[in-house]
Amino acid sequence: MVELSSLYGLEIYTSRGKYVGRVQDVVLNIKKGRVSTLKVRPMRHDKKNVGIKDVLKTSIRIVPESDEIRPIQEEGIIDINYDRVQAVGDILIISPDVSVEKKVSPLES
């Protein structure tokens, strides 16, 4: 069994070794009593968010005039279905997205 709090901040890789990002939030399905989705902030593996510059960049927003107010979207957050998770430890390993990495069968070529 994996504790929910241990998922936050884990780095995510595909089973093929591609870096995906870091877990920002976890969505629970209360009816089924399990994790349904991981909210992930994608980032390049060589660029880690650390330091005051990164904190200020993500935590300070300019408030628009009242006629320009619109819902703020979660910028740069992607959803990963928890069914894709293959292993949880020091990192989280997921199966590659079949819709993105579609295999071509010999009959299609």
PDB file of N, CA and C in Angstrom:
ATOM      1  N   MET A   1       0.841  -1.172   0.000  1.00  0.00           N
ATOM      2  CA  MET A   1       0.000   0.000   0.000  1.00  0.00           C
ATOM      3  C   MET A   1       0.895   1.247   0.000  1.00  0.00           C
ATOM      4  N   VAL A   2       0.502   2.246  -0.764  1.00  0.00           N
ATOM      5  CA  VAL A   2       1.242   3.503  -0.873  1.00  0.00           C
ATOM      6  C   VAL A   2       0.467   4.597  -0.151  1.00  0.00           C
ATOM      7  N   GLU A   3       1.154   5.335   0.711  1.00  0.00           N
ATOM      8  CA  GLU A   3       0.503   6.453   1.388  1.00  0.00           C
ATOM      9  C   GLU A   3       0.337   7.607   0.414  1.00  0.00           C
ATOM     10  N   LEU A   4      -0.808   8.253   0.478  1.00  0.00           N
ATOM     11  CA  LEU A   4      -1.126   9.359  -0.418  1.00  0.00           C
ATOM     12  C   LEU A   4      -0.096  10.476  -0.325  1.00  0.00           C
ATOM     13  N   SER A   5       0.330  10.802   0.876  1.00  0.00           N
ATOM     14  CA  SER A   5       1.281  11.904   1.061  1.00  0.00           C
ATOM     15  C   SER A   5       2.633  11.617   0.420  1.00  0.00           C
ATOM     16  N   SER A   6       2.959  10.351   0.201  1.00  0.00           N
ATOM     17  CA  SER A   6       4.251  10.019  -0.406  1.00  0.00           C
ATOM     18  C   SER A   6       4.279  10.288  -1.910  1.00  0.00           C
ATOM     19  N   LEU A   7       3.118  10.496  -2.527  1.00  0.00           N
ATOM     20  CA  LEU A   7       3.066  10.754  -3.970  1.00  0.00           C
ATOM     21  C   LEU A   7       3.433  12.193  -4.325  1.00  0.00           C
ATOM     22  N   TYR A   8       3.161  13.134  -3.423  1.00  0.00           N
ATOM     23  CA  TYR A   8       3.407  14.550  -3.711  1.00  0.00           C
ATOM     24  C   TYR A   8       4.892  14.807  -3.925  1.00  0.00           C
ATOM     25  N   GLY A   9       5.202  15.487  -5.018  1.00  0.00           N
ATOM     26  CA  GLY A   9       6.579  15.869  -5.304  1.00  0.00           C
ATOM     27  C   GLY A   9       7.418  14.802  -5.980  1.00  0.00           C
ATOM     28  N   LEU A  10       6.863  13.599  -6.186  1.00  0.00           N
ATOM     29  CA  LEU A  10       7.638  12.553  -6.850  1.00  0.00           C
ATOM     30  C   LEU A  10       7.890  12.913  -8.308  1.00  0.00           C
ATOM     31  N   GLU A  11       9.083  12.587  -8.782  1.00  0.00           N
ATOM     32  CA  GLU A  11       9.385  12.770 -10.197  1.00  0.00           C
ATOM     33  C   GLU A  11       8.815  11.582 -10.956  1.00  0.00           C
ATOM     34  N   ILE A  12       8.298  11.856 -12.163  1.00  0.00           N
ATOM     35  CA  ILE A  12       7.638  10.821 -12.957  1.00  0.00           C
ATOM     36  C   ILE A  12       8.429  10.570 -14.235  1.00  0.00           C
ATOM     37  N   TYR A  13       8.635   9.282 -14.523  1.00  0.00           N
ATOM     38  CA  TYR A  13       9.295   8.841 -15.747  1.00  0.00           C
ATOM     39  C   TYR A  13       8.404   7.804 -16.418  1.00  0.00           C
ATOM     40  N   THR A  14       8.515   7.695 -17.752  1.00  0.00           N
ATOM     41  CA  THR A  14       7.831   6.598 -18.438  1.00  0.00           C
ATOM     42  C   THR A  14       8.695   5.354 -18.280  1.00  0.00           C
ATOM     43  N   SER A  15       8.123   4.198 -18.587  1.00  0.00           N
ATOM     44  CA  SER A  15       8.882   2.948 -18.501  1.00  0.00           C
ATOM     45  C   SER A  15       9.998   2.899 -19.538  1.00  0.00           C
ATOM     46  N   ARG A  16       9.976   3.823 -20.482  1.00  0.00           N
ATOM     47  CA  ARG A  16      11.042   3.920 -21.489  1.00  0.00           C
ATOM     48  C   ARG A  16      12.118   4.929 -21.101  1.00  0.00           C
ATOM     49  N   GLY A  17      11.991   5.520 -19.918  1.00  0.00           N
ATOM     50  CA  GLY A  17      13.021   6.418 -19.411  1.00  0.00           C
ATOM     51  C   GLY A  17      12.828   7.887 -19.709  1.00  0.00           C
ATOM     52  N   LYS A  18      11.706   8.275 -20.309  1.00  0.00           N
ATOM     53  CA  LYS A  18      11.458   9.688 -20.623  1.00  0.00           C
ATOM     54  C   LYS A  18      10.950  10.416 -19.377  1.00  0.00           C
ATOM     55  N   TYR A  19      11.569  11.563 -19.068  1.00  0.00           N
ATOM     56  CA  TYR A  19      11.153  12.355 -17.914  1.00  0.00           C
ATOM     57  C   TYR A  19       9.845  13.064 -18.233  1.00  0.00           C
ATOM     58  N   VAL A  20       8.854  12.962 -17.339  1.00  0.00           N
ATOM     59  CA  VAL A  20       7.539  13.550 -17.563  1.00  0.00           C
ATOM     60  C   VAL A  20       7.355  14.824 -16.750  1.00  0.00           C
ATOM     61  N   GLY A  21       7.664  14.785 -15.462  1.00  0.00           N
ATOM     62  CA  GLY A  21       7.469  15.953 -14.608  1.00  0.00           C
ATOM     63  C   GLY A  21       7.408  15.555 -13.152  1.00  0.00           C
ATOM     64  N   ARG A  22       6.759  16.400 -12.353  1.00  0.00           N
ATOM     65  CA  ARG A  22       6.682  16.190 -10.902  1.00  0.00           C
ATOM     66  C   ARG A  22       5.221  16.266 -10.458  1.00  0.00           C
ATOM     67  N   VAL A  23       4.810  15.373  -9.562  1.00  0.00           N
ATOM     68  CA  VAL A  23       3.432  15.329  -9.060  1.00  0.00           C
ATOM     69  C   VAL A  23       3.143  16.594  -8.255  1.00  0.00           C
ATOM     70  N   GLN A  24       2.110  17.329  -8.667  1.00  0.00           N
ATOM     71  CA  GLN A  24       1.680  18.543  -7.976  1.00  0.00           C
ATOM     72  C   GLN A  24       0.470  18.286  -7.087  1.00  0.00           C
ATOM     73  N   ASP A  25      -0.436  17.417  -7.559  1.00  0.00           N
ATOM     74  CA  ASP A  25      -1.661  17.161  -6.812  1.00  0.00           C
ATOM     75  C   ASP A  25      -2.167  15.765  -7.145  1.00  0.00           C
ATOM     76  N   VAL A  26      -3.021  15.240  -6.286  1.00  0.00           N
ATOM     77  CA  VAL A  26      -3.579  13.905  -6.458  1.00  0.00           C
ATOM     78  C   VAL A  26      -5.095  14.014  -6.368  1.00  0.00           C
ATOM     79  N   VAL A  27      -5.800  13.411  -7.340  1.00  0.00           N
ATOM     80  CA  VAL A  27      -7.266  13.444  -7.369  1.00  0.00           C
ATOM     81  C   VAL A  27      -7.785  12.077  -6.934  1.00  0.00           C
ATOM     82  N   LEU A  28      -8.686  12.085  -5.952  1.00  0.00           N
ATOM     83  CA  LEU A  28      -9.258  10.844  -5.437  1.00  0.00           C
ATOM     84  C   LEU A  28     -10.661  10.620  -5.980  1.00  0.00           C
ATOM     85  N   ASN A  29     -10.989   9.358  -6.245  1.00  0.00           N
ATOM     86  CA  ASN A  29     -12.352   8.965  -6.575  1.00  0.00           C
ATOM     87  C   ASN A  29     -12.952   8.426  -5.283  1.00  0.00           C
ATOM     88  N   ILE A  30     -13.788   9.229  -4.642  1.00  0.00           N
ATOM     89  CA  ILE A  30     -14.341   8.874  -3.337  1.00  0.00           C
ATOM     90  C   ILE A  30     -15.232   7.635  -3.419  1.00  0.00           C
ATOM     91  N   LYS A  31     -16.019   7.503  -4.488  1.00  0.00           N
ATOM     92  CA  LYS A  31     -16.920   6.356  -4.617  1.00  0.00           C
ATOM     93  C   LYS A  31     -16.150   5.041  -4.701  1.00  0.00           C
ATOM     94  N   LYS A  32     -15.038   5.044  -5.456  1.00  0.00           N
ATOM     95  CA  LYS A  32     -14.241   3.826  -5.606  1.00  0.00           C
ATOM     96  C   LYS A  32     -13.181   3.693  -4.522  1.00  0.00           C
ATOM     97  N   GLY A  33     -12.909   4.780  -3.807  1.00  0.00           N
ATOM     98  CA  GLY A  33     -11.933   4.740  -2.731  1.00  0.00           C
ATOM     99  C   GLY A  33     -10.503   4.568  -3.195  1.00  0.00           C
ATOM    100  N   ARG A  34     -10.163   5.207  -4.317  1.00  0.00           N
ATOM    101  CA  ARG A  34      -8.793   5.086  -4.827  1.00  0.00           C
ATOM    102  C   ARG A  34      -8.384   6.340  -5.578  1.00  0.00           C
ATOM    103  N   VAL A  35      -7.098   6.429  -5.884  1.00  0.00           N
ATOM    104  CA  VAL A  35      -6.568   7.553  -6.654  1.00  0.00           C
ATOM    105  C   VAL A  35      -7.022   7.394  -8.093  1.00  0.00           C
ATOM    106  N   SER A  36      -7.516   8.474  -8.709  1.00  0.00           N
ATOM    107  CA  SER A  36      -7.951   8.387 -10.101  1.00  0.00           C
ATOM    108  C   SER A  36      -7.001   9.115 -11.048  1.00  0.00           C
ATOM    109  N   THR A  37      -6.470  10.265 -10.629  1.00  0.00           N
ATOM    110  CA  THR A  37      -5.653  11.084 -11.523  1.00  0.00           C
ATOM    111  C   THR A  37      -4.522  11.749 -10.755  1.00  0.00           C
ATOM    112  N   LEU A  38      -3.397  11.899 -11.437  1.00  0.00           N
ATOM    113  CA  LEU A  38      -2.277  12.676 -10.907  1.00  0.00           C
ATOM    114  C   LEU A  38      -2.198  13.977 -11.685  1.00  0.00           C
ATOM    115  N   LYS A  39      -2.100  15.094 -10.995  1.00  0.00           N
ATOM    116  CA  LYS A  39      -1.885  16.392 -11.634  1.00  0.00           C
ATOM    117  C   LYS A  39      -0.376  16.611 -11.641  1.00  0.00           C
ATOM    118  N   VAL A  40       0.181  16.795 -12.828  1.00  0.00           N
ATOM    119  CA  VAL A  40       1.636  16.838 -12.982  1.00  0.00           C
ATOM    120  C   VAL A  40       2.062  18.135 -13.641  1.00  0.00           C
ATOM    121  N   ARG A  41       3.104  18.736 -13.094  1.00  0.00           N
ATOM    122  CA  ARG A  41       3.714  19.907 -13.724  1.00  0.00           C
ATOM    123  C   ARG A  41       4.883  19.400 -14.559  1.00  0.00           C
ATOM    124  N   PRO A  42       4.721  19.451 -15.902  1.00  0.00           N
ATOM    125  CA  PRO A  42       5.808  18.981 -16.758  1.00  0.00           C
ATOM    126  C   PRO A  42       6.972  19.961 -16.736  1.00  0.00           C
ATOM    127  N   MET A  43       8.171  19.427 -16.783  1.00  0.00           N
ATOM    128  CA  MET A  43       9.349  20.281 -16.866  1.00  0.00           C
ATOM    129  C   MET A  43      10.498  19.472 -17.440  1.00  0.00           C
ATOM    130  N   ARG A  44      11.439  20.204 -18.007  1.00  0.00           N
ATOM    131  CA  ARG A  44      12.626  19.533 -18.510  1.00  0.00           C
ATOM    132  C   ARG A  44      13.428  19.050 -17.314  1.00  0.00           C
ATOM    133  N   HIS A  45      14.016  17.861 -17.455  1.00  0.00           N
ATOM    134  CA  HIS A  45      14.739  17.256 -16.342  1.00  0.00           C
ATOM    135  C   HIS A  45      15.924  18.103 -15.890  1.00  0.00           C
ATOM    136  N   ASP A  46      16.546  18.834 -16.806  1.00  0.00           N
ATOM    137  CA  ASP A  46      17.709  19.651 -16.448  1.00  0.00           C
ATOM    138  C   ASP A  46      17.321  20.984 -15.820  1.00  0.00           C
ATOM    139  N   LYS A  47      16.026  21.325 -15.824  1.00  0.00           N
ATOM    140  CA  LYS A  47      15.559  22.589 -15.240  1.00  0.00           C
ATOM    141  C   LYS A  47      14.678  22.291 -14.040  1.00  0.00           C
ATOM    142  N   LYS A  48      15.230  22.349 -12.864  1.00  0.00           N
ATOM    143  CA  LYS A  48      14.479  22.133 -11.635  1.00  0.00           C
ATOM    144  C   LYS A  48      14.047  23.484 -11.092  1.00  0.00           C
ATOM    145  N   ASN A  49      12.827  23.586 -10.579  1.00  0.00           N
ATOM    146  CA  ASN A  49      12.339  24.835  -9.997  1.00  0.00           C
ATOM    147  C   ASN A  49      12.843  24.974  -8.567  1.00  0.00           C
ATOM    148  N   VAL A  50      13.835  25.835  -8.376  1.00  0.00           N
ATOM    149  CA  VAL A  50      14.349  26.129  -7.039  1.00  0.00           C
ATOM    150  C   VAL A  50      14.715  27.597  -6.962  1.00  0.00           C
ATOM    151  N   GLY A  51      14.653  28.129  -5.766  1.00  0.00           N
ATOM    152  CA  GLY A  51      15.075  29.509  -5.567  1.00  0.00           C
ATOM    153  C   GLY A  51      13.922  30.489  -5.547  1.00  0.00           C
ATOM    154  N   ILE A  52      14.214  31.692  -5.069  1.00  0.00           N
ATOM    155  CA  ILE A  52      13.203  32.740  -4.914  1.00  0.00           C
ATOM    156  C   ILE A  52      12.642  33.202  -6.251  1.00  0.00           C
ATOM    157  N   LYS A  53      13.469  33.212  -7.287  1.00  0.00           N
ATOM    158  CA  LYS A  53      13.006  33.644  -8.607  1.00  0.00           C
ATOM    159  C   LYS A  53      11.842  32.774  -9.088  1.00  0.00           C
ATOM    160  N   ASP A  54      11.965  31.461  -8.910  1.00  0.00           N
ATOM    161  CA  ASP A  54      10.901  30.555  -9.333  1.00  0.00           C
ATOM    162  C   ASP A  54       9.662  30.689  -8.462  1.00  0.00           C
ATOM    163  N   VAL A  55       9.842  30.935  -7.175  1.00  0.00           N
ATOM    164  CA  VAL A  55       8.705  31.121  -6.271  1.00  0.00           C
ATOM    165  C   VAL A  55       7.930  32.368  -6.657  1.00  0.00           C
ATOM    166  N   LEU A  56       8.644  33.468  -6.891  1.00  0.00           N
ATOM    167  CA  LEU A  56       7.980  34.714  -7.269  1.00  0.00           C
ATOM    168  C   LEU A  56       7.284  34.598  -8.619  1.00  0.00           C
ATOM    169  N   LYS A  57       7.910  33.886  -9.545  1.00  0.00           N
ATOM    170  CA  LYS A  57       7.348  33.746 -10.881  1.00  0.00           C
ATOM    171  C   LYS A  57       6.007  33.023 -10.853  1.00  0.00           C
ATOM    172  N   THR A  58       5.851  32.042  -9.955  1.00  0.00           N
ATOM    173  CA  THR A  58       4.610  31.264  -9.935  1.00  0.00           C
ATOM    174  C   THR A  58       3.602  31.740  -8.902  1.00  0.00           C
ATOM    175  N   SER A  59       4.025  32.532  -7.915  1.00  0.00           N
ATOM    176  CA  SER A  59       3.093  32.899  -6.851  1.00  0.00           C
ATOM    177  C   SER A  59       2.533  34.310  -6.962  1.00  0.00           C
ATOM    178  N   ILE A  60       3.128  35.164  -7.774  1.00  0.00           N
ATOM    179  CA  ILE A  60       2.628  36.531  -7.914  1.00  0.00           C
ATOM    180  C   ILE A  60       1.910  36.665  -9.249  1.00  0.00           C
ATOM    181  N   ARG A  61       0.675  37.141  -9.203  1.00  0.00           N
ATOM    182  CA  ARG A  61      -0.107  37.355 -10.424  1.00  0.00           C
ATOM    183  C   ARG A  61      -0.606  38.788 -10.445  1.00  0.00           C
ATOM    184  N   ILE A  62      -0.672  39.346 -11.632  1.00  0.00           N
ATOM    185  CA  ILE A  62      -1.228  40.685 -11.797  1.00  0.00           C
ATOM    186  C   ILE A  62      -2.735  40.539 -11.924  1.00  0.00           C
ATOM    187  N   VAL A  63      -3.474  41.281 -11.111  1.00  0.00           N
ATOM    188  CA  VAL A  63      -4.934  41.198 -11.122  1.00  0.00           C
ATOM    189  C   VAL A  63      -5.465  42.117 -12.211  1.00  0.00           C
ATOM    190  N   PRO A  64      -6.268  41.580 -13.161  1.00  0.00           N
ATOM    191  CA  PRO A  64      -6.808  42.407 -14.237  1.00  0.00           C
ATOM    192  C   PRO A  64      -7.923  43.322 -13.741  1.00  0.00           C
ATOM    193  N   GLU A  65      -8.270  44.286 -14.572  1.00  0.00           N
ATOM    194  CA  GLU A  65      -9.410  45.158 -14.272  1.00  0.00           C
ATOM    195  C   GLU A  65     -10.666  44.302 -14.169  1.00  0.00           C
ATOM    196  N   SER A  66     -11.696  44.811 -13.514  1.00  0.00           N
ATOM    197  CA  SER A  66     -12.898  44.017 -13.255  1.00  0.00           C
ATOM    198  C   SER A  66     -13.575  43.517 -14.530  1.00  0.00           C
ATOM    199  N   ASP A  67     -13.469  44.270 -15.624  1.00  0.00           N
ATOM    200  CA  ASP A  67     -14.109  43.817 -16.861  1.00  0.00           C
ATOM    201  C   ASP A  67     -13.270  42.764 -17.585  1.00  0.00           C
ATOM    202  N   GLU A  68     -12.048  42.527 -17.120  1.00  0.00           N
ATOM    203  CA  GLU A  68     -11.185  41.531 -17.748  1.00  0.00           C
ATOM    204  C   GLU A  68     -11.063  40.258 -16.919  1.00  0.00           C
ATOM    205  N   ILE A  69     -11.788  40.184 -15.815  1.00  0.00           N
ATOM    206  CA  ILE A  69     -11.659  39.024 -14.936  1.00  0.00           C
ATOM    207  C   ILE A  69     -12.253  37.798 -15.617  1.00  0.00           C
ATOM    208  N   ARG A  70     -11.483  36.729 -15.599  1.00  0.00           N
ATOM    209  CA  ARG A  70     -11.921  35.451 -16.155  1.00  0.00           C
ATOM    210  C   ARG A  70     -11.300  34.347 -15.299  1.00  0.00           C
ATOM    211  N   PRO A  71     -11.839  33.143 -15.361  1.00  0.00           N
ATOM    212  CA  PRO A  71     -11.288  32.057 -14.539  1.00  0.00           C
ATOM    213  C   PRO A  71      -9.813  31.818 -14.864  1.00  0.00           C
ATOM    214  N   ILE A  72      -9.013  31.631 -13.818  1.00  0.00           N
ATOM    215  CA  ILE A  72      -7.591  31.343 -14.012  1.00  0.00           C
ATOM    216  C   ILE A  72      -7.433  29.844 -14.191  1.00  0.00           C
ATOM    217  N   GLN A  73      -6.822  29.444 -15.309  1.00  0.00           N
ATOM    218  CA  GLN A  73      -6.592  28.034 -15.566  1.00  0.00           C
ATOM    219  C   GLN A  73      -5.300  27.608 -14.889  1.00  0.00           C
ATOM    220  N   GLU A  74      -5.193  26.314 -14.632  1.00  0.00           N
ATOM    221  CA  GLU A  74      -3.953  25.776 -14.105  1.00  0.00           C
ATOM    222  C   GLU A  74      -2.974  25.699 -15.268  1.00  0.00           C
ATOM    223  N   GLU A  75      -2.051  26.645 -15.297  1.00  0.00           N
ATOM    224  CA  GLU A  75      -1.129  26.731 -16.417  1.00  0.00           C
ATOM    225  C   GLU A  75      -0.079  25.633 -16.333  1.00  0.00           C
ATOM    226  N   GLY A  76       0.068  24.901 -17.420  1.00  0.00           N
ATOM    227  CA  GLY A  76       1.124  23.916 -17.512  1.00  0.00           C
ATOM    228  C   GLY A  76       0.896  22.633 -16.738  1.00  0.00           C
ATOM    229  N   ILE A  77      -0.299  22.398 -16.249  1.00  0.00           N
ATOM    230  CA  ILE A  77      -0.577  21.174 -15.494  1.00  0.00           C
ATOM    231  C   ILE A  77      -1.211  20.150 -16.430  1.00  0.00           C
ATOM    232  N   ILE A  78      -0.705  18.921 -16.391  1.00  0.00           N
ATOM    233  CA  ILE A  78      -1.292  17.851 -17.199  1.00  0.00           C
ATOM    234  C   ILE A  78      -1.868  16.790 -16.268  1.00  0.00           C
ATOM    235  N   ASP A  79      -2.889  16.099 -16.744  1.00  0.00           N
ATOM    236  CA  ASP A  79      -3.525  15.023 -15.991  1.00  0.00           C
ATOM    237  C   ASP A  79      -2.996  13.685 -16.485  1.00  0.00           C
ATOM    238  N   ILE A  80      -2.641  12.816 -15.553  1.00  0.00           N
ATOM    239  CA  ILE A  80      -2.205  11.466 -15.897  1.00  0.00           C
ATOM    240  C   ILE A  80      -3.107  10.497 -15.146  1.00  0.00           C
ATOM    241  N   ASN A  81      -3.780   9.633 -15.893  1.00  0.00           N
ATOM    242  CA  ASN A  81      -4.659   8.634 -15.297  1.00  0.00           C
ATOM    243  C   ASN A  81      -3.827   7.694 -14.428  1.00  0.00           C
ATOM    244  N   TYR A  82      -4.273   7.440 -13.212  1.00  0.00           N
ATOM    245  CA  TYR A  82      -3.498   6.615 -12.281  1.00  0.00           C
ATOM    246  C   TYR A  82      -3.380   5.164 -12.745  1.00  0.00           C
ATOM    247  N   ASP A  83      -4.247   4.739 -13.660  1.00  0.00           N
ATOM    248  CA  ASP A  83      -4.155   3.382 -14.206  1.00  0.00           C
ATOM    249  C   ASP A  83      -2.849   3.169 -14.968  1.00  0.00           C
ATOM    250  N   ARG A  84      -2.211   4.253 -15.397  1.00  0.00           N
ATOM    251  CA  ARG A  84      -0.939   4.152 -16.123  1.00  0.00           C
ATOM    252  C   ARG A  84       0.261   3.926 -15.200  1.00  0.00           C
ATOM    253  N   VAL A  85       0.079   4.075 -13.893  1.00  0.00           N
ATOM    254  CA  VAL A  85       1.189   3.919 -12.945  1.00  0.00           C
ATOM    255  C   VAL A  85       1.594   2.452 -12.865  1.00  0.00           C
ATOM    256  N   GLN A  86       2.904   2.208 -13.053  1.00  0.00           N
ATOM    257  CA  GLN A  86       3.430   0.850 -12.982  1.00  0.00           C
ATOM    258  C   GLN A  86       4.202   0.587 -11.696  1.00  0.00           C
ATOM    259  N   ALA A  87       4.878   1.623 -11.165  1.00  0.00           N
ATOM    260  CA  ALA A  87       5.673   1.439  -9.946  1.00  0.00           C
ATOM    261  C   ALA A  87       5.795   2.753  -9.193  1.00  0.00           C
ATOM    262  N   VAL A  88       5.817   2.651  -7.853  1.00  0.00           N
ATOM    263  CA  VAL A  88       5.991   3.817  -6.994  1.00  0.00           C
ATOM    264  C   VAL A  88       7.109   3.502  -6.008  1.00  0.00           C
ATOM    265  N   GLY A  89       8.071   4.406  -5.932  1.00  0.00           N
ATOM    266  CA  GLY A  89       9.188   4.262  -5.000  1.00  0.00           C
ATOM    267  C   GLY A  89       9.803   5.628  -4.807  1.00  0.00           C
ATOM    268  N   ASP A  90      11.110   5.733  -5.041  1.00  0.00           N
ATOM    269  CA  ASP A  90      11.768   7.040  -4.997  1.00  0.00           C
ATOM    270  C   ASP A  90      11.327   7.903  -6.170  1.00  0.00           C
ATOM    271  N   ILE A  91      10.910   7.254  -7.254  1.00  0.00           N
ATOM    272  CA  ILE A  91      10.323   7.920  -8.420  1.00  0.00           C
ATOM    273  C   ILE A  91       9.037   7.181  -8.757  1.00  0.00           C
ATOM    274  N   LEU A  92       8.271   7.732  -9.681  1.00  0.00           N
ATOM    275  CA  LEU A  92       7.028   7.108 -10.116  1.00  0.00           C
ATOM    276  C   LEU A  92       7.206   6.731 -11.578  1.00  0.00           C
ATOM    277  N   ILE A  93       6.920   5.488 -11.939  1.00  0.00           N
ATOM    278  CA  ILE A  93       7.066   5.025 -13.322  1.00  0.00           C
ATOM    279  C   ILE A  93       5.682   4.773 -13.893  1.00  0.00           C
ATOM    280  N   ILE A  94       5.437   5.355 -15.088  1.00  0.00           N
ATOM    281  CA  ILE A  94       4.147   5.173 -15.760  1.00  0.00           C
ATOM    282  C   ILE A  94       4.361   4.519 -17.113  1.00  0.00           C
ATOM    283  N   SER A  95       3.303   3.913 -17.639  1.00  0.00           N
ATOM    284  CA  SER A  95       3.367   3.353 -18.983  1.00  0.00           C
ATOM    285  C   SER A  95       3.322   4.504 -19.984  1.00  0.00           C
ATOM    286  N   PRO A  96       3.994   4.330 -21.134  1.00  0.00           N
ATOM    287  CA  PRO A  96       3.951   5.390 -22.157  1.00  0.00           C
ATOM    288  C   PRO A  96       2.523   5.617 -22.635  1.00  0.00           C
ATOM    289  N   ASP A  97       2.230   6.844 -23.048  1.00  0.00           N
ATOM    290  CA  ASP A  97       0.899   7.186 -23.555  1.00  0.00           C
ATOM    291  C   ASP A  97       0.744   6.581 -24.936  1.00  0.00           C
ATOM    292  N   VAL A  98      -0.164   5.622 -25.084  1.00  0.00           N
ATOM    293  CA  VAL A  98      -0.344   4.943 -26.361  1.00  0.00           C
ATOM    294  C   VAL A  98      -0.849   5.873 -27.447  1.00  0.00           C
ATOM    295  N   SER A  99      -1.597   6.891 -27.087  1.00  0.00           N
ATOM    296  CA  SER A  99      -2.108   7.809 -28.107  1.00  0.00           C
ATOM    297  C   SER A  99      -0.985   8.659 -28.693  1.00  0.00           C
ATOM    298  N   VAL A 100       0.064   8.912 -27.907  1.00  0.00           N
ATOM    299  CA  VAL A 100       1.187   9.705 -28.390  1.00  0.00           C
ATOM    300  C   VAL A 100       2.218   8.825 -29.072  1.00  0.00           C
ATOM    301  N   GLU A 101       2.530   7.682 -28.462  1.00  0.00           N
ATOM    302  CA  GLU A 101       3.553   6.797 -28.988  1.00  0.00           C
ATOM    303  C   GLU A 101       2.898   5.570 -29.609  1.00  0.00           C
ATOM    304  N   LYS A 102       2.125   5.773 -30.660  1.00  0.00           N
ATOM    305  CA  LYS A 102       1.396   4.692 -31.305  1.00  0.00           C
ATOM    306  C   LYS A 102       2.360   3.807 -32.079  1.00  0.00           C
ATOM    307  N   LYS A 103       2.252   2.501 -31.868  1.00  0.00           N
ATOM    308  CA  LYS A 103       3.104   1.558 -32.583  1.00  0.00           C
ATOM    309  C   LYS A 103       2.480   1.275 -33.945  1.00  0.00           C
ATOM    310  N   VAL A 104       3.329   1.164 -34.971  1.00  0.00           N
ATOM    311  CA  VAL A 104       2.862   0.850 -36.317  1.00  0.00           C
ATOM    312  C   VAL A 104       3.042  -0.641 -36.530  1.00  0.00           C
ATOM    313  N   SER A 105       1.953  -1.323 -36.844  1.00  0.00           N
ATOM    314  CA  SER A 105       2.045  -2.761 -37.085  1.00  0.00           C
ATOM    315  C   SER A 105       2.592  -3.008 -38.483  1.00  0.00           C
ATOM    316  N   PRO A 106       3.174  -4.188 -38.728  1.00  0.00           N
ATOM    317  CA  PRO A 106       3.737  -4.490 -40.048  1.00  0.00           C
ATOM    318  C   PRO A 106       2.708  -4.412 -41.170  1.00  0.00           C
ATOM    319  N   LEU A 107       1.424  -4.645 -40.873  1.00  0.00           N
ATOM    320  CA  LEU A 107       0.391  -4.589 -41.904  1.00  0.00           C
ATOM    321  C   LEU A 107       0.089  -3.159 -42.337  1.00  0.00           C
ATOM    322  N   GLU A 108       0.338  -2.151 -41.454  1.00  0.00           N
ATOM    323  CA  GLU A 108       0.033  -0.763 -41.777  1.00  0.00           C
ATOM    324  C   GLU A 108       1.109  -0.106 -42.627  1.00  0.00           C
ATOM    325  N   SER A 109       2.310  -0.675 -42.659  1.00  0.00           N
ATOM    326  CA  SER A 109       3.399  -0.019 -43.396  1.00  0.00           C
ATOM    327  C   SER A 109       3.455  -0.381 -44.846  1.00  0.00           C
TER     328      SER A 109
END
